[in-house]
Amino acid sequence: MYTLNVLMFILLFLSFVVYVLANFLGKKMKKEREKNSPFECGFDPFKKARTSFSIRFFLVAIIFLIFDIEIVVLMPVGILMNYSMIGHFSLISSLIIVVLIIGLVHEWNQGALNWVT
């Protein structure tokens, strides 16, 4: 019981020492304005809020979200094939993939995937 108390005291003391050192050494970082400002997609938070932005960035983000959600839809198909008819799941999976490929080709033809500054 005595060794447990000593060990707890040592651990608490070491934690306190690390906390004090981190606060002491981190003080000079808090004085810098750039380090404290939030970084959001390359926008400068110290300028006007109503500046124009690139629509292409948001188009690529939305395309990424669409493909990400479709991957989540397709992930359980392999597991569910064991419990049901393989024909239905392969047809549905193929249909989803064809729709994704058609959407990708359409976005490519429209130029939404060309990142030009």
PDB file of N, CA and C in Angstrom:
ATOM      1  N   MET A   1       0.825  -1.190   0.000  1.00  0.00           N
ATOM      2  CA  MET A   1       0.000   0.000   0.000  1.00  0.00           C
ATOM      3  C   MET A   1       0.870   1.256   0.000  1.00  0.00           C
ATOM      4  N   TYR A   2       1.978   1.176   0.732  1.00  0.00           N
ATOM      5  CA  TYR A   2       2.882   2.315   0.806  1.00  0.00           C
ATOM      6  C   TYR A   2       3.514   2.583  -0.567  1.00  0.00           C
ATOM      7  N   THR A   3       3.917   1.536  -1.282  1.00  0.00           N
ATOM      8  CA  THR A   3       4.554   1.719  -2.588  1.00  0.00           C
ATOM      9  C   THR A   3       3.563   2.284  -3.619  1.00  0.00           C
ATOM     10  N   LEU A   4       2.310   1.913  -3.492  1.00  0.00           N
ATOM     11  CA  LEU A   4       1.295   2.456  -4.394  1.00  0.00           C
ATOM     12  C   LEU A   4       1.138   3.956  -4.184  1.00  0.00           C
ATOM     13  N   ASN A   5       1.144   4.394  -2.933  1.00  0.00           N
ATOM     14  CA  ASN A   5       1.040   5.827  -2.642  1.00  0.00           C
ATOM     15  C   ASN A   5       2.256   6.587  -3.149  1.00  0.00           C
ATOM     16  N   VAL A   6       3.424   6.021  -2.980  1.00  0.00           N
ATOM     17  CA  VAL A   6       4.650   6.670  -3.453  1.00  0.00           C
ATOM     18  C   VAL A   6       4.634   6.752  -4.980  1.00  0.00           C
ATOM     19  N   LEU A   7       4.211   5.667  -5.637  1.00  0.00           N
ATOM     20  CA  LEU A   7       4.139   5.660  -7.086  1.00  0.00           C
ATOM     21  C   LEU A   7       3.128   6.697  -7.591  1.00  0.00           C
ATOM     22  N   MET A   8       2.000   6.794  -6.939  1.00  0.00           N
ATOM     23  CA  MET A   8       0.999   7.796  -7.328  1.00  0.00           C
ATOM     24  C   MET A   8       1.555   9.216  -7.158  1.00  0.00           C
ATOM     25  N   PHE A   9       2.265   9.444  -6.068  1.00  0.00           N
ATOM     26  CA  PHE A   9       2.855  10.758  -5.833  1.00  0.00           C
ATOM     27  C   PHE A   9       3.886  11.083  -6.914  1.00  0.00           C
ATOM     28  N   ILE A  10       4.723  10.125  -7.270  1.00  0.00           N
ATOM     29  CA  ILE A  10       5.744  10.352  -8.290  1.00  0.00           C
ATOM     30  C   ILE A  10       5.088  10.647  -9.641  1.00  0.00           C
ATOM     31  N   LEU A  11       4.060   9.895  -9.983  1.00  0.00           N
ATOM     32  CA  LEU A  11       3.375  10.126 -11.249  1.00  0.00           C
ATOM     33  C   LEU A  11       2.702  11.495 -11.293  1.00  0.00           C
ATOM     34  N   LEU A  12       2.047  11.878 -10.214  1.00  0.00           N
ATOM     35  CA  LEU A  12       1.422  13.196 -10.166  1.00  0.00           C
ATOM     36  C   LEU A  12       2.462  14.304 -10.229  1.00  0.00           C
ATOM     37  N   PHE A  13       3.578  14.124  -9.546  1.00  0.00           N
ATOM     38  CA  PHE A  13       4.643  15.123  -9.561  1.00  0.00           C
ATOM     39  C   PHE A  13       5.234  15.262 -10.968  1.00  0.00           C
ATOM     40  N   LEU A  14       5.493  14.144 -11.640  1.00  0.00           N
ATOM     41  CA  LEU A  14       6.038  14.200 -12.996  1.00  0.00           C
ATOM     42  C   LEU A  14       5.039  14.843 -13.965  1.00  0.00           C
ATOM     43  N   SER A  15       3.772  14.543 -13.802  1.00  0.00           N
ATOM     44  CA  SER A  15       2.760  15.165 -14.650  1.00  0.00           C
ATOM     45  C   SER A  15       2.721  16.670 -14.437  1.00  0.00           C
ATOM     46  N   PHE A  16       2.812  17.099 -13.190  1.00  0.00           N
ATOM     47  CA  PHE A  16       2.814  18.519 -12.878  1.00  0.00           C
ATOM     48  C   PHE A  16       4.045  19.205 -13.461  1.00  0.00           C
ATOM     49  N   VAL A  17       5.200  18.563 -13.373  1.00  0.00           N
ATOM     50  CA  VAL A  17       6.431  19.135 -13.916  1.00  0.00           C
ATOM     51  C   VAL A  17       6.318  19.292 -15.433  1.00  0.00           C
ATOM     52  N   VAL A  18       5.797  18.280 -16.121  1.00  0.00           N
ATOM     53  CA  VAL A  18       5.642  18.373 -17.573  1.00  0.00           C
ATOM     54  C   VAL A  18       4.643  19.469 -17.929  1.00  0.00           C
ATOM     55  N   TYR A  19       3.577  19.605 -17.170  1.00  0.00           N
ATOM     56  CA  TYR A  19       2.581  20.648 -17.414  1.00  0.00           C
ATOM     57  C   TYR A  19       3.187  22.043 -17.244  1.00  0.00           C
ATOM     58  N   VAL A  20       3.966  22.240 -16.178  1.00  0.00           N
ATOM     59  CA  VAL A  20       4.589  23.540 -15.929  1.00  0.00           C
ATOM     60  C   VAL A  20       5.600  23.854 -17.022  1.00  0.00           C
ATOM     61  N   LEU A  21       6.396  22.869 -17.425  1.00  0.00           N
ATOM     62  CA  LEU A  21       7.379  23.103 -18.488  1.00  0.00           C
ATOM     63  C   LEU A  21       6.695  23.445 -19.812  1.00  0.00           C
ATOM     64  N   ALA A  22       5.626  22.760 -20.127  1.00  0.00           N
ATOM     65  CA  ALA A  22       4.910  23.037 -21.373  1.00  0.00           C
ATOM     66  C   ALA A  22       4.335  24.445 -21.366  1.00  0.00           C
ATOM     67  N   ASN A  23       3.769  24.870 -20.247  1.00  0.00           N
ATOM     68  CA  ASN A  23       3.228  26.230 -20.162  1.00  0.00           C
ATOM     69  C   ASN A  23       4.330  27.275 -20.219  1.00  0.00           C
ATOM     70  N   PHE A  24       5.435  27.007 -19.571  1.00  0.00           N
ATOM     71  CA  PHE A  24       6.536  27.973 -19.539  1.00  0.00           C
ATOM     72  C   PHE A  24       7.183  28.103 -20.921  1.00  0.00           C
ATOM     73  N   LEU A  25       7.432  26.994 -21.585  1.00  0.00           N
ATOM     74  CA  LEU A  25       8.085  27.033 -22.889  1.00  0.00           C
ATOM     75  C   LEU A  25       7.141  27.463 -24.003  1.00  0.00           C
ATOM     76  N   GLY A  26       5.864  27.292 -23.817  1.00  0.00           N
ATOM     77  CA  GLY A  26       4.902  27.654 -24.847  1.00  0.00           C
ATOM     78  C   GLY A  26       4.464  29.096 -24.796  1.00  0.00           C
ATOM     79  N   LYS A  27       4.926  29.880 -23.851  1.00  0.00           N
ATOM     80  CA  LYS A  27       4.492  31.272 -23.719  1.00  0.00           C
ATOM     81  C   LYS A  27       4.898  32.119 -24.911  1.00  0.00           C
ATOM     82  N   LYS A  28       6.084  31.897 -25.475  1.00  0.00           N
ATOM     83  CA  LYS A  28       6.490  32.738 -26.586  1.00  0.00           C
ATOM     84  C   LYS A  28       5.677  32.442 -27.842  1.00  0.00           C
ATOM     85  N   MET A  29       5.124  31.259 -27.975  1.00  0.00           N
ATOM     86  CA  MET A  29       4.277  30.956 -29.115  1.00  0.00           C
ATOM     87  C   MET A  29       2.953  31.721 -29.047  1.00  0.00           C
ATOM     88  N   LYS A  30       2.450  31.976 -27.861  1.00  0.00           N
ATOM     89  CA  LYS A  30       1.157  32.635 -27.708  1.00  0.00           C
ATOM     90  C   LYS A  30       1.214  34.101 -28.107  1.00  0.00           C
ATOM     91  N   LYS A  31       2.402  34.680 -28.172  1.00  0.00           N
ATOM     92  CA  LYS A  31       2.513  36.089 -28.515  1.00  0.00           C
ATOM     93  C   LYS A  31       2.413  36.333 -30.018  1.00  0.00           C
ATOM     94  N   GLU A  32       2.621  35.304 -30.815  1.00  0.00           N
ATOM     95  CA  GLU A  32       2.585  35.471 -32.257  1.00  0.00           C
ATOM     96  C   GLU A  32       1.141  35.466 -32.756  1.00  0.00           C
ATOM     97  N   ARG A  33       0.804  36.462 -33.531  1.00  0.00           N
ATOM     98  CA  ARG A  33      -0.576  36.610 -34.004  1.00  0.00           C
ATOM     99  C   ARG A  33      -0.946  35.543 -35.027  1.00  0.00           C
ATOM    100  N   GLU A  34      -0.017  35.181 -35.897  1.00  0.00           N
ATOM    101  CA  GLU A  34      -0.302  34.203 -36.940  1.00  0.00           C
ATOM    102  C   GLU A  34      -0.522  32.815 -36.359  1.00  0.00           C
ATOM    103  N   LYS A  35       0.184  32.485 -35.323  1.00  0.00           N
ATOM    104  CA  LYS A  35       0.038  31.152 -34.733  1.00  0.00           C
ATOM    105  C   LYS A  35      -1.310  31.001 -34.023  1.00  0.00           C
ATOM    106  N   ASN A  36      -1.850  32.083 -33.513  1.00  0.00           N
ATOM    107  CA  ASN A  36      -3.119  32.017 -32.794  1.00  0.00           C
ATOM    108  C   ASN A  36      -4.327  32.101 -33.717  1.00  0.00           C
ATOM    109  N   SER A  37      -4.119  32.540 -34.946  1.00  0.00           N
ATOM    110  CA  SER A  37      -5.256  32.702 -35.836  1.00  0.00           C
ATOM    111  C   SER A  37      -5.672  31.358 -36.419  1.00  0.00           C
ATOM    112  N   PRO A  38      -6.961  31.176 -36.657  1.00  0.00           N
ATOM    113  CA  PRO A  38      -7.421  29.917 -37.260  1.00  0.00           C
ATOM    114  C   PRO A  38      -7.031  29.869 -38.730  1.00  0.00           C
ATOM    115  N   PHE A  39      -6.675  28.695 -39.189  1.00  0.00           N
ATOM    116  CA  PHE A  39      -6.326  28.507 -40.599  1.00  0.00           C
ATOM    117  C   PHE A  39      -7.483  27.795 -41.272  1.00  0.00           C
ATOM    118  N   GLU A  40      -8.133  28.482 -42.181  1.00  0.00           N
ATOM    119  CA  GLU A  40      -9.286  27.898 -42.863  1.00  0.00           C
ATOM    120  C   GLU A  40      -9.083  27.994 -44.367  1.00  0.00           C
ATOM    121  N   CYS A  41      -8.637  26.943 -44.954  1.00  0.00           N
ATOM    122  CA  CYS A  41      -8.568  26.775 -46.410  1.00  0.00           C
ATOM    123  C   CYS A  41      -7.786  27.884 -47.092  1.00  0.00           C
ATOM    124  N   GLY A  42      -6.784  28.412 -46.457  1.00  0.00           N
ATOM    125  CA  GLY A  42      -5.954  29.412 -47.095  1.00  0.00           C
ATOM    126  C   GLY A  42      -6.494  30.822 -47.037  1.00  0.00           C
ATOM    127  N   PHE A  43      -7.625  31.047 -46.385  1.00  0.00           N
ATOM    128  CA  PHE A  43      -8.159  32.391 -46.265  1.00  0.00           C
ATOM    129  C   PHE A  43      -7.417  33.128 -45.150  1.00  0.00           C
ATOM    130  N   ASP A  44      -7.123  34.388 -45.393  1.00  0.00           N
ATOM    131  CA  ASP A  44      -6.469  35.200 -44.373  1.00  0.00           C
ATOM    132  C   ASP A  44      -7.543  35.747 -43.431  1.00  0.00           C
ATOM    133  N   PRO A  45      -7.518  35.364 -42.145  1.00  0.00           N
ATOM    134  CA  PRO A  45      -8.579  35.803 -41.234  1.00  0.00           C
ATOM    135  C   PRO A  45      -8.487  37.275 -40.847  1.00  0.00           C
ATOM    136  N   PHE A  46      -7.401  37.959 -41.219  1.00  0.00           N
ATOM    137  CA  PHE A  46      -7.235  39.346 -40.818  1.00  0.00           C
ATOM    138  C   PHE A  46      -7.671  40.325 -41.906  1.00  0.00           C
ATOM    139  N   LYS A  47      -8.142  39.809 -43.026  1.00  0.00           N
ATOM    140  CA  LYS A  47      -8.631  40.669 -44.100  1.00  0.00           C
ATOM    141  C   LYS A  47     -10.152  40.724 -44.069  1.00  0.00           C
ATOM    142  N   LYS A  48     -10.729  41.399 -45.060  1.00  0.00           N
ATOM    143  CA  LYS A  48     -12.177  41.516 -45.125  1.00  0.00           C
ATOM    144  C   LYS A  48     -12.827  40.148 -45.286  1.00  0.00           C
ATOM    145  N   ALA A  49     -13.984  39.984 -44.699  1.00  0.00           N
ATOM    146  CA  ALA A  49     -14.693  38.710 -44.767  1.00  0.00           C
ATOM    147  C   ALA A  49     -15.439  38.543 -46.083  1.00  0.00           C
ATOM    148  N   ARG A  50     -15.665  39.600 -46.803  1.00  0.00           N
ATOM    149  CA  ARG A  50     -16.465  39.543 -48.024  1.00  0.00           C
ATOM    150  C   ARG A  50     -15.602  39.496 -49.296  1.00  0.00           C
ATOM    151  N   THR A  51     -14.408  38.949 -49.214  1.00  0.00           N
ATOM    152  CA  THR A  51     -13.583  38.846 -50.400  1.00  0.00           C
ATOM    153  C   THR A  51     -14.041  37.663 -51.250  1.00  0.00           C
ATOM    154  N   SER A  52     -13.730  37.721 -52.540  1.00  0.00           N
ATOM    155  CA  SER A  52     -14.147  36.645 -53.437  1.00  0.00           C
ATOM    156  C   SER A  52     -13.271  35.415 -53.204  1.00  0.00           C
ATOM    157  N   PHE A  53     -13.830  34.268 -53.500  1.00  0.00           N
ATOM    158  CA  PHE A  53     -13.108  33.011 -53.317  1.00  0.00           C
ATOM    159  C   PHE A  53     -13.270  32.167 -54.570  1.00  0.00           C
ATOM    160  N   SER A  54     -12.469  31.137 -54.661  1.00  0.00           N
ATOM    161  CA  SER A  54     -12.490  30.277 -55.833  1.00  0.00           C
ATOM    162  C   SER A  54     -13.626  29.264 -55.710  1.00  0.00           C
ATOM    163  N   ILE A  55     -14.502  29.277 -56.681  1.00  0.00           N
ATOM    164  CA  ILE A  55     -15.606  28.310 -56.726  1.00  0.00           C
ATOM    165  C   ILE A  55     -15.068  26.910 -56.981  1.00  0.00           C
ATOM    166  N   ARG A  56     -13.966  26.813 -57.690  1.00  0.00           N
ATOM    167  CA  ARG A  56     -13.398  25.493 -58.011  1.00  0.00           C
ATOM    168  C   ARG A  56     -13.033  24.716 -56.752  1.00  0.00           C
ATOM    169  N   PHE A  57     -12.566  25.402 -55.731  1.00  0.00           N
ATOM    170  CA  PHE A  57     -12.241  24.722 -54.481  1.00  0.00           C
ATOM    171  C   PHE A  57     -13.474  24.037 -53.907  1.00  0.00           C
ATOM    172  N   PHE A  58     -14.584  24.715 -53.899  1.00  0.00           N
ATOM    173  CA  PHE A  58     -15.806  24.142 -53.342  1.00  0.00           C
ATOM    174  C   PHE A  58     -16.381  23.055 -54.243  1.00  0.00           C
ATOM    175  N   LEU A  59     -16.217  23.184 -55.566  1.00  0.00           N
ATOM    176  CA  LEU A  59     -16.667  22.128 -56.465  1.00  0.00           C
ATOM    177  C   LEU A  59     -15.877  20.838 -56.243  1.00  0.00           C
ATOM    178  N   VAL A  60     -14.574  20.961 -56.091  1.00  0.00           N
ATOM    179  CA  VAL A  60     -13.756  19.775 -55.837  1.00  0.00           C
ATOM    180  C   VAL A  60     -14.118  19.167 -54.487  1.00  0.00           C
ATOM    181  N   ALA A  61     -14.399  20.001 -53.497  1.00  0.00           N
ATOM    182  CA  ALA A  61     -14.788  19.485 -52.181  1.00  0.00           C
ATOM    183  C   ALA A  61     -16.116  18.731 -52.257  1.00  0.00           C
ATOM    184  N   ILE A  62     -17.065  19.248 -53.001  1.00  0.00           N
ATOM    185  CA  ILE A  62     -18.360  18.570 -53.126  1.00  0.00           C
ATOM    186  C   ILE A  62     -18.212  17.264 -53.897  1.00  0.00           C
ATOM    187  N   ILE A  63     -17.393  17.268 -54.949  1.00  0.00           N
ATOM    188  CA  ILE A  63     -17.148  16.031 -55.693  1.00  0.00           C
ATOM    189  C   ILE A  63     -16.498  14.994 -54.786  1.00  0.00           C
ATOM    190  N   PHE A  64     -15.552  15.431 -53.962  1.00  0.00           N
ATOM    191  CA  PHE A  64     -14.918  14.509 -53.018  1.00  0.00           C
ATOM    192  C   PHE A  64     -15.947  13.919 -52.057  1.00  0.00           C
ATOM    193  N   LEU A  65     -16.837  14.747 -51.546  1.00  0.00           N
ATOM    194  CA  LEU A  65     -17.863  14.248 -50.625  1.00  0.00           C
ATOM    195  C   LEU A  65     -18.790  13.242 -51.295  1.00  0.00           C
ATOM    196  N   ILE A  66     -19.149  13.506 -52.536  1.00  0.00           N
ATOM    197  CA  ILE A  66     -20.024  12.570 -53.248  1.00  0.00           C
ATOM    198  C   ILE A  66     -19.347  11.220 -53.406  1.00  0.00           C
ATOM    199  N   PHE A  67     -18.086  11.207 -53.837  1.00  0.00           N
ATOM    200  CA  PHE A  67     -17.385   9.942 -54.016  1.00  0.00           C
ATOM    201  C   PHE A  67     -17.116   9.264 -52.675  1.00  0.00           C
ATOM    202  N   ASP A  68     -16.887  10.040 -51.652  1.00  0.00           N
ATOM    203  CA  ASP A  68     -16.660   9.469 -50.325  1.00  0.00           C
ATOM    204  C   ASP A  68     -17.916   8.780 -49.807  1.00  0.00           C
ATOM    205  N   ILE A  69     -19.060   9.392 -49.995  1.00  0.00           N
ATOM    206  CA  ILE A  69     -20.318   8.779 -49.550  1.00  0.00           C
ATOM    207  C   ILE A  69     -20.623   7.529 -50.365  1.00  0.00           C
ATOM    208  N   GLU A  70     -20.324   7.561 -51.643  1.00  0.00           N
ATOM    209  CA  GLU A  70     -20.566   6.378 -52.469  1.00  0.00           C
ATOM    210  C   GLU A  70     -19.666   5.219 -52.043  1.00  0.00           C
ATOM    211  N   ILE A  71     -18.470   5.502 -51.621  1.00  0.00           N
ATOM    212  CA  ILE A  71     -17.594   4.428 -51.124  1.00  0.00           C
ATOM    213  C   ILE A  71     -18.185   3.818 -49.862  1.00  0.00           C
ATOM    214  N   VAL A  72     -18.748   4.638 -49.003  1.00  0.00           N
ATOM    215  CA  VAL A  72     -19.384   4.122 -47.790  1.00  0.00           C
ATOM    216  C   VAL A  72     -20.587   3.248 -48.150  1.00  0.00           C
ATOM    217  N   VAL A  73     -21.291   3.600 -49.216  1.00  0.00           N
ATOM    218  CA  VAL A  73     -22.427   2.785 -49.654  1.00  0.00           C
ATOM    219  C   VAL A  73     -21.941   1.442 -50.186  1.00  0.00           C
ATOM    220  N   LEU A  74     -20.817   1.429 -50.889  1.00  0.00           N
ATOM    221  CA  LEU A  74     -20.326   0.197 -51.506  1.00  0.00           C
ATOM    222  C   LEU A  74     -19.559  -0.712 -50.550  1.00  0.00           C
ATOM    223  N   MET A  75     -19.080  -0.215 -49.442  1.00  0.00           N
ATOM    224  CA  MET A  75     -18.256  -1.025 -48.534  1.00  0.00           C
ATOM    225  C   MET A  75     -18.977  -2.268 -47.995  1.00  0.00           C
ATOM    226  N   PRO A  76     -20.196  -2.185 -47.521  1.00  0.00           N
ATOM    227  CA  PRO A  76     -20.811  -3.384 -46.935  1.00  0.00           C
ATOM    228  C   PRO A  76     -21.335  -4.389 -47.954  1.00  0.00           C
ATOM    229  N   VAL A  77     -21.219  -4.098 -49.250  1.00  0.00           N
ATOM    230  CA  VAL A  77     -21.758  -4.999 -50.255  1.00  0.00           C
ATOM    231  C   VAL A  77     -21.073  -6.360 -50.195  1.00  0.00           C
ATOM    232  N   GLY A  78     -19.776  -6.382 -50.003  1.00  0.00           N
ATOM    233  CA  GLY A  78     -19.055  -7.652 -49.931  1.00  0.00           C
ATOM    234  C   GLY A  78     -19.502  -8.527 -48.778  1.00  0.00           C
ATOM    235  N   ILE A  79     -19.807  -7.943 -47.662  1.00  0.00           N
ATOM    236  CA  ILE A  79     -20.264  -8.714 -46.499  1.00  0.00           C
ATOM    237  C   ILE A  79     -21.703  -9.167 -46.694  1.00  0.00           C
ATOM    238  N   LEU A  80     -22.543  -8.301 -47.251  1.00  0.00           N
ATOM    239  CA  LEU A  80     -23.952  -8.639 -47.432  1.00  0.00           C
ATOM    240  C   LEU A  80     -24.177  -9.681 -48.521  1.00  0.00           C
ATOM    241  N   MET A  81     -23.208  -9.862 -49.396  1.00  0.00           N
ATOM    242  CA  MET A  81     -23.360 -10.873 -50.441  1.00  0.00           C
ATOM    243  C   MET A  81     -23.443 -12.283 -49.851  1.00  0.00           C
ATOM    244  N   ASN A  82     -22.883 -12.500 -48.682  1.00  0.00           N
ATOM    245  CA  ASN A  82     -22.925 -13.817 -48.050  1.00  0.00           C
ATOM    246  C   ASN A  82     -24.317 -14.158 -47.534  1.00  0.00           C
ATOM    247  N   TYR A  83     -25.147 -13.162 -47.289  1.00  0.00           N
ATOM    248  CA  TYR A  83     -26.435 -13.385 -46.656  1.00  0.00           C
ATOM    249  C   TYR A  83     -27.625 -13.279 -47.605  1.00  0.00           C
ATOM    250  N   SER A  84     -27.388 -12.933 -48.828  1.00  0.00           N
ATOM    251  CA  SER A  84     -28.496 -12.763 -49.761  1.00  0.00           C
ATOM    252  C   SER A  84     -28.076 -13.232 -51.149  1.00  0.00           C
ATOM    253  N   MET A  85     -28.914 -12.967 -52.122  1.00  0.00           N
ATOM    254  CA  MET A  85     -28.647 -13.397 -53.486  1.00  0.00           C
ATOM    255  C   MET A  85     -27.534 -12.550 -54.107  1.00  0.00           C
ATOM    256  N   ILE A  86     -26.560 -13.209 -54.672  1.00  0.00           N
ATOM    257  CA  ILE A  86     -25.402 -12.520 -55.227  1.00  0.00           C
ATOM    258  C   ILE A  86     -25.805 -11.688 -56.449  1.00  0.00           C
ATOM    259  N   GLY A  87     -26.750 -12.156 -57.203  1.00  0.00           N
ATOM    260  CA  GLY A  87     -27.167 -11.449 -58.414  1.00  0.00           C
ATOM    261  C   GLY A  87     -27.694 -10.060 -58.146  1.00  0.00           C
ATOM    262  N   HIS A  88     -28.501  -9.925 -57.094  1.00  0.00           N
ATOM    263  CA  HIS A  88     -29.062  -8.610 -56.777  1.00  0.00           C
ATOM    264  C   HIS A  88     -27.984  -7.629 -56.347  1.00  0.00           C
ATOM    265  N   PHE A  89     -27.093  -8.083 -55.485  1.00  0.00           N
ATOM    266  CA  PHE A  89     -26.063  -7.180 -54.987  1.00  0.00           C
ATOM    267  C   PHE A  89     -25.059  -6.815 -56.079  1.00  0.00           C
ATOM    268  N   SER A  90     -24.733  -7.764 -56.953  1.00  0.00           N
ATOM    269  CA  SER A  90     -23.803  -7.427 -58.027  1.00  0.00           C
ATOM    270  C   SER A  90     -24.454  -6.455 -59.013  1.00  0.00           C
ATOM    271  N   LEU A  91     -25.751  -6.601 -59.254  1.00  0.00           N
ATOM    272  CA  LEU A  91     -26.453  -5.665 -60.139  1.00  0.00           C
ATOM    273  C   LEU A  91     -26.496  -4.266 -59.535  1.00  0.00           C
ATOM    274  N   ILE A  92     -26.813  -4.192 -58.248  1.00  0.00           N
ATOM    275  CA  ILE A  92     -26.879  -2.885 -57.574  1.00  0.00           C
ATOM    276  C   ILE A  92     -25.503  -2.241 -57.510  1.00  0.00           C
ATOM    277  N   SER A  93     -24.481  -3.034 -57.183  1.00  0.00           N
ATOM    278  CA  SER A  93     -23.121  -2.495 -57.125  1.00  0.00           C
ATOM    279  C   SER A  93     -22.673  -1.999 -58.489  1.00  0.00           C
ATOM    280  N   SER A  94     -22.962  -2.768 -59.519  1.00  0.00           N
ATOM    281  CA  SER A  94     -22.587  -2.357 -60.875  1.00  0.00           C
ATOM    282  C   SER A  94     -23.311  -1.080 -61.274  1.00  0.00           C
ATOM    283  N   LEU A  95     -24.564  -0.966 -60.912  1.00  0.00           N
ATOM    284  CA  LEU A  95     -25.335   0.235 -61.226  1.00  0.00           C
ATOM    285  C   LEU A  95     -24.749   1.465 -60.528  1.00  0.00           C
ATOM    286  N   ILE A  96     -24.396   1.323 -59.273  1.00  0.00           N
ATOM    287  CA  ILE A  96     -23.801   2.438 -58.525  1.00  0.00           C
ATOM    288  C   ILE A  96     -22.480   2.849 -59.156  1.00  0.00           C
ATOM    289  N   ILE A  97     -21.654   1.882 -59.521  1.00  0.00           N
ATOM    290  CA  ILE A  97     -20.354   2.188 -60.116  1.00  0.00           C
ATOM    291  C   ILE A  97     -20.521   2.841 -61.480  1.00  0.00           C
ATOM    292  N   VAL A  98     -21.487   2.376 -62.270  1.00  0.00           N
ATOM    293  CA  VAL A  98     -21.737   2.993 -63.579  1.00  0.00           C
ATOM    294  C   VAL A  98     -22.204   4.436 -63.407  1.00  0.00           C
ATOM    295  N   VAL A  99     -23.069   4.692 -62.459  1.00  0.00           N
ATOM    296  CA  VAL A  99     -23.526   6.068 -62.205  1.00  0.00           C
ATOM    297  C   VAL A  99     -22.354   6.945 -61.774  1.00  0.00           C
ATOM    298  N   LEU A 100     -21.467   6.408 -60.946  1.00  0.00           N
ATOM    299  CA  LEU A 100     -20.291   7.174 -60.531  1.00  0.00           C
ATOM    300  C   LEU A 100     -19.376   7.476 -61.710  1.00  0.00           C
ATOM    301  N   ILE A 101     -19.163   6.500 -62.573  1.00  0.00           N
ATOM    302  CA  ILE A 101     -18.288   6.712 -63.726  1.00  0.00           C
ATOM    303  C   ILE A 101     -18.905   7.734 -64.689  1.00  0.00           C
ATOM    304  N   ILE A 102     -20.220   7.643 -64.908  1.00  0.00           N
ATOM    305  CA  ILE A 102     -20.885   8.626 -65.774  1.00  0.00           C
ATOM    306  C   ILE A 102     -20.782  10.023 -65.169  1.00  0.00           C
ATOM    307  N   GLY A 103     -20.974  10.132 -63.853  1.00  0.00           N
ATOM    308  CA  GLY A 103     -20.822  11.430 -63.193  1.00  0.00           C
ATOM    309  C   GLY A 103     -19.404  11.959 -63.281  1.00  0.00           C
ATOM    310  N   LEU A 104     -18.421  11.084 -63.147  1.00  0.00           N
ATOM    311  CA  LEU A 104     -17.024  11.504 -63.244  1.00  0.00           C
ATOM    312  C   LEU A 104     -16.695  11.988 -64.651  1.00  0.00           C
ATOM    313  N   VAL A 105     -17.158  11.261 -65.667  1.00  0.00           N
ATOM    314  CA  VAL A 105     -16.928  11.681 -67.057  1.00  0.00           C
ATOM    315  C   VAL A 105     -17.618  13.014 -67.331  1.00  0.00           C
ATOM    316  N   HIS A 106     -18.825  13.190 -66.807  1.00  0.00           N
ATOM    317  CA  HIS A 106     -19.542  14.457 -67.003  1.00  0.00           C
ATOM    318  C   HIS A 106     -18.786  15.621 -66.352  1.00  0.00           C
ATOM    319  N   GLU A 107     -18.329  15.420 -65.135  1.00  0.00           N
ATOM    320  CA  GLU A 107     -17.565  16.477 -64.451  1.00  0.00           C
ATOM    321  C   GLU A 107     -16.260  16.775 -65.186  1.00  0.00           C
ATOM    322  N   TRP A 108     -15.645  15.748 -65.715  1.00  0.00           N
ATOM    323  CA  TRP A 108     -14.411  15.926 -66.468  1.00  0.00           C
ATOM    324  C   TRP A 108     -14.669  16.737 -67.739  1.00  0.00           C
ATOM    325  N   ASN A 109     -15.762  16.406 -68.448  1.00  0.00           N
ATOM    326  CA  ASN A 109     -16.095  17.145 -69.667  1.00  0.00           C
ATOM    327  C   ASN A 109     -16.485  18.592 -69.374  1.00  0.00           C
ATOM    328  N   GLN A 110     -17.111  18.848 -68.242  1.00  0.00           N
ATOM    329  CA  GLN A 110     -17.495  20.207 -67.876  1.00  0.00           C
ATOM    330  C   GLN A 110     -16.317  21.045 -67.395  1.00  0.00           C
ATOM    331  N   GLY A 111     -15.205  20.381 -67.090  1.00  0.00           N
ATOM    332  CA  GLY A 111     -14.003  21.102 -66.644  1.00  0.00           C
ATOM    333  C   GLY A 111     -13.958  21.360 -65.162  1.00  0.00           C
ATOM    334  N   ALA A 112     -14.772  20.679 -64.381  1.00  0.00           N
ATOM    335  CA  ALA A 112     -14.780  20.910 -62.939  1.00  0.00           C
ATOM    336  C   ALA A 112     -13.554  20.313 -62.264  1.00  0.00           C
ATOM    337  N   LEU A 113     -12.895  19.382 -62.916  1.00  0.00           N
ATOM    338  CA  LEU A 113     -11.731  18.730 -62.312  1.00  0.00           C
ATOM    339  C   LEU A 113     -10.410  19.383 -62.729  1.00  0.00           C
ATOM    340  N   ASN A 114     -10.459  20.362 -63.615  1.00  0.00           N
ATOM    341  CA  ASN A 114      -9.247  21.074 -64.022  1.00  0.00           C
ATOM    342  C   ASN A 114      -8.944  22.157 -63.013  1.00  0.00           C
ATOM    343  N   TRP A 115      -7.848  22.019 -62.301  1.00  0.00           N
ATOM    344  CA  TRP A 115      -7.490  22.996 -61.275  1.00  0.00           C
ATOM    345  C   TRP A 115      -6.559  24.018 -61.893  1.00  0.00           C
ATOM    346  N   VAL A 116      -7.120  25.099 -62.406  1.00  0.00           N
ATOM    347  CA  VAL A 116      -6.344  26.152 -63.058  1.00  0.00           C
ATOM    348  C   VAL A 116      -6.472  27.399 -62.207  1.00  0.00           C
ATOM    349  N   THR A 117      -5.350  28.044 -61.945  1.00  0.00           N
ATOM    350  CA  THR A 117      -5.383  29.259 -61.127  1.00  0.00           C
ATOM    351  C   THR A 117      -5.667  30.477 -61.942  1.00  0.00           C
TER     352      THR A 117
END
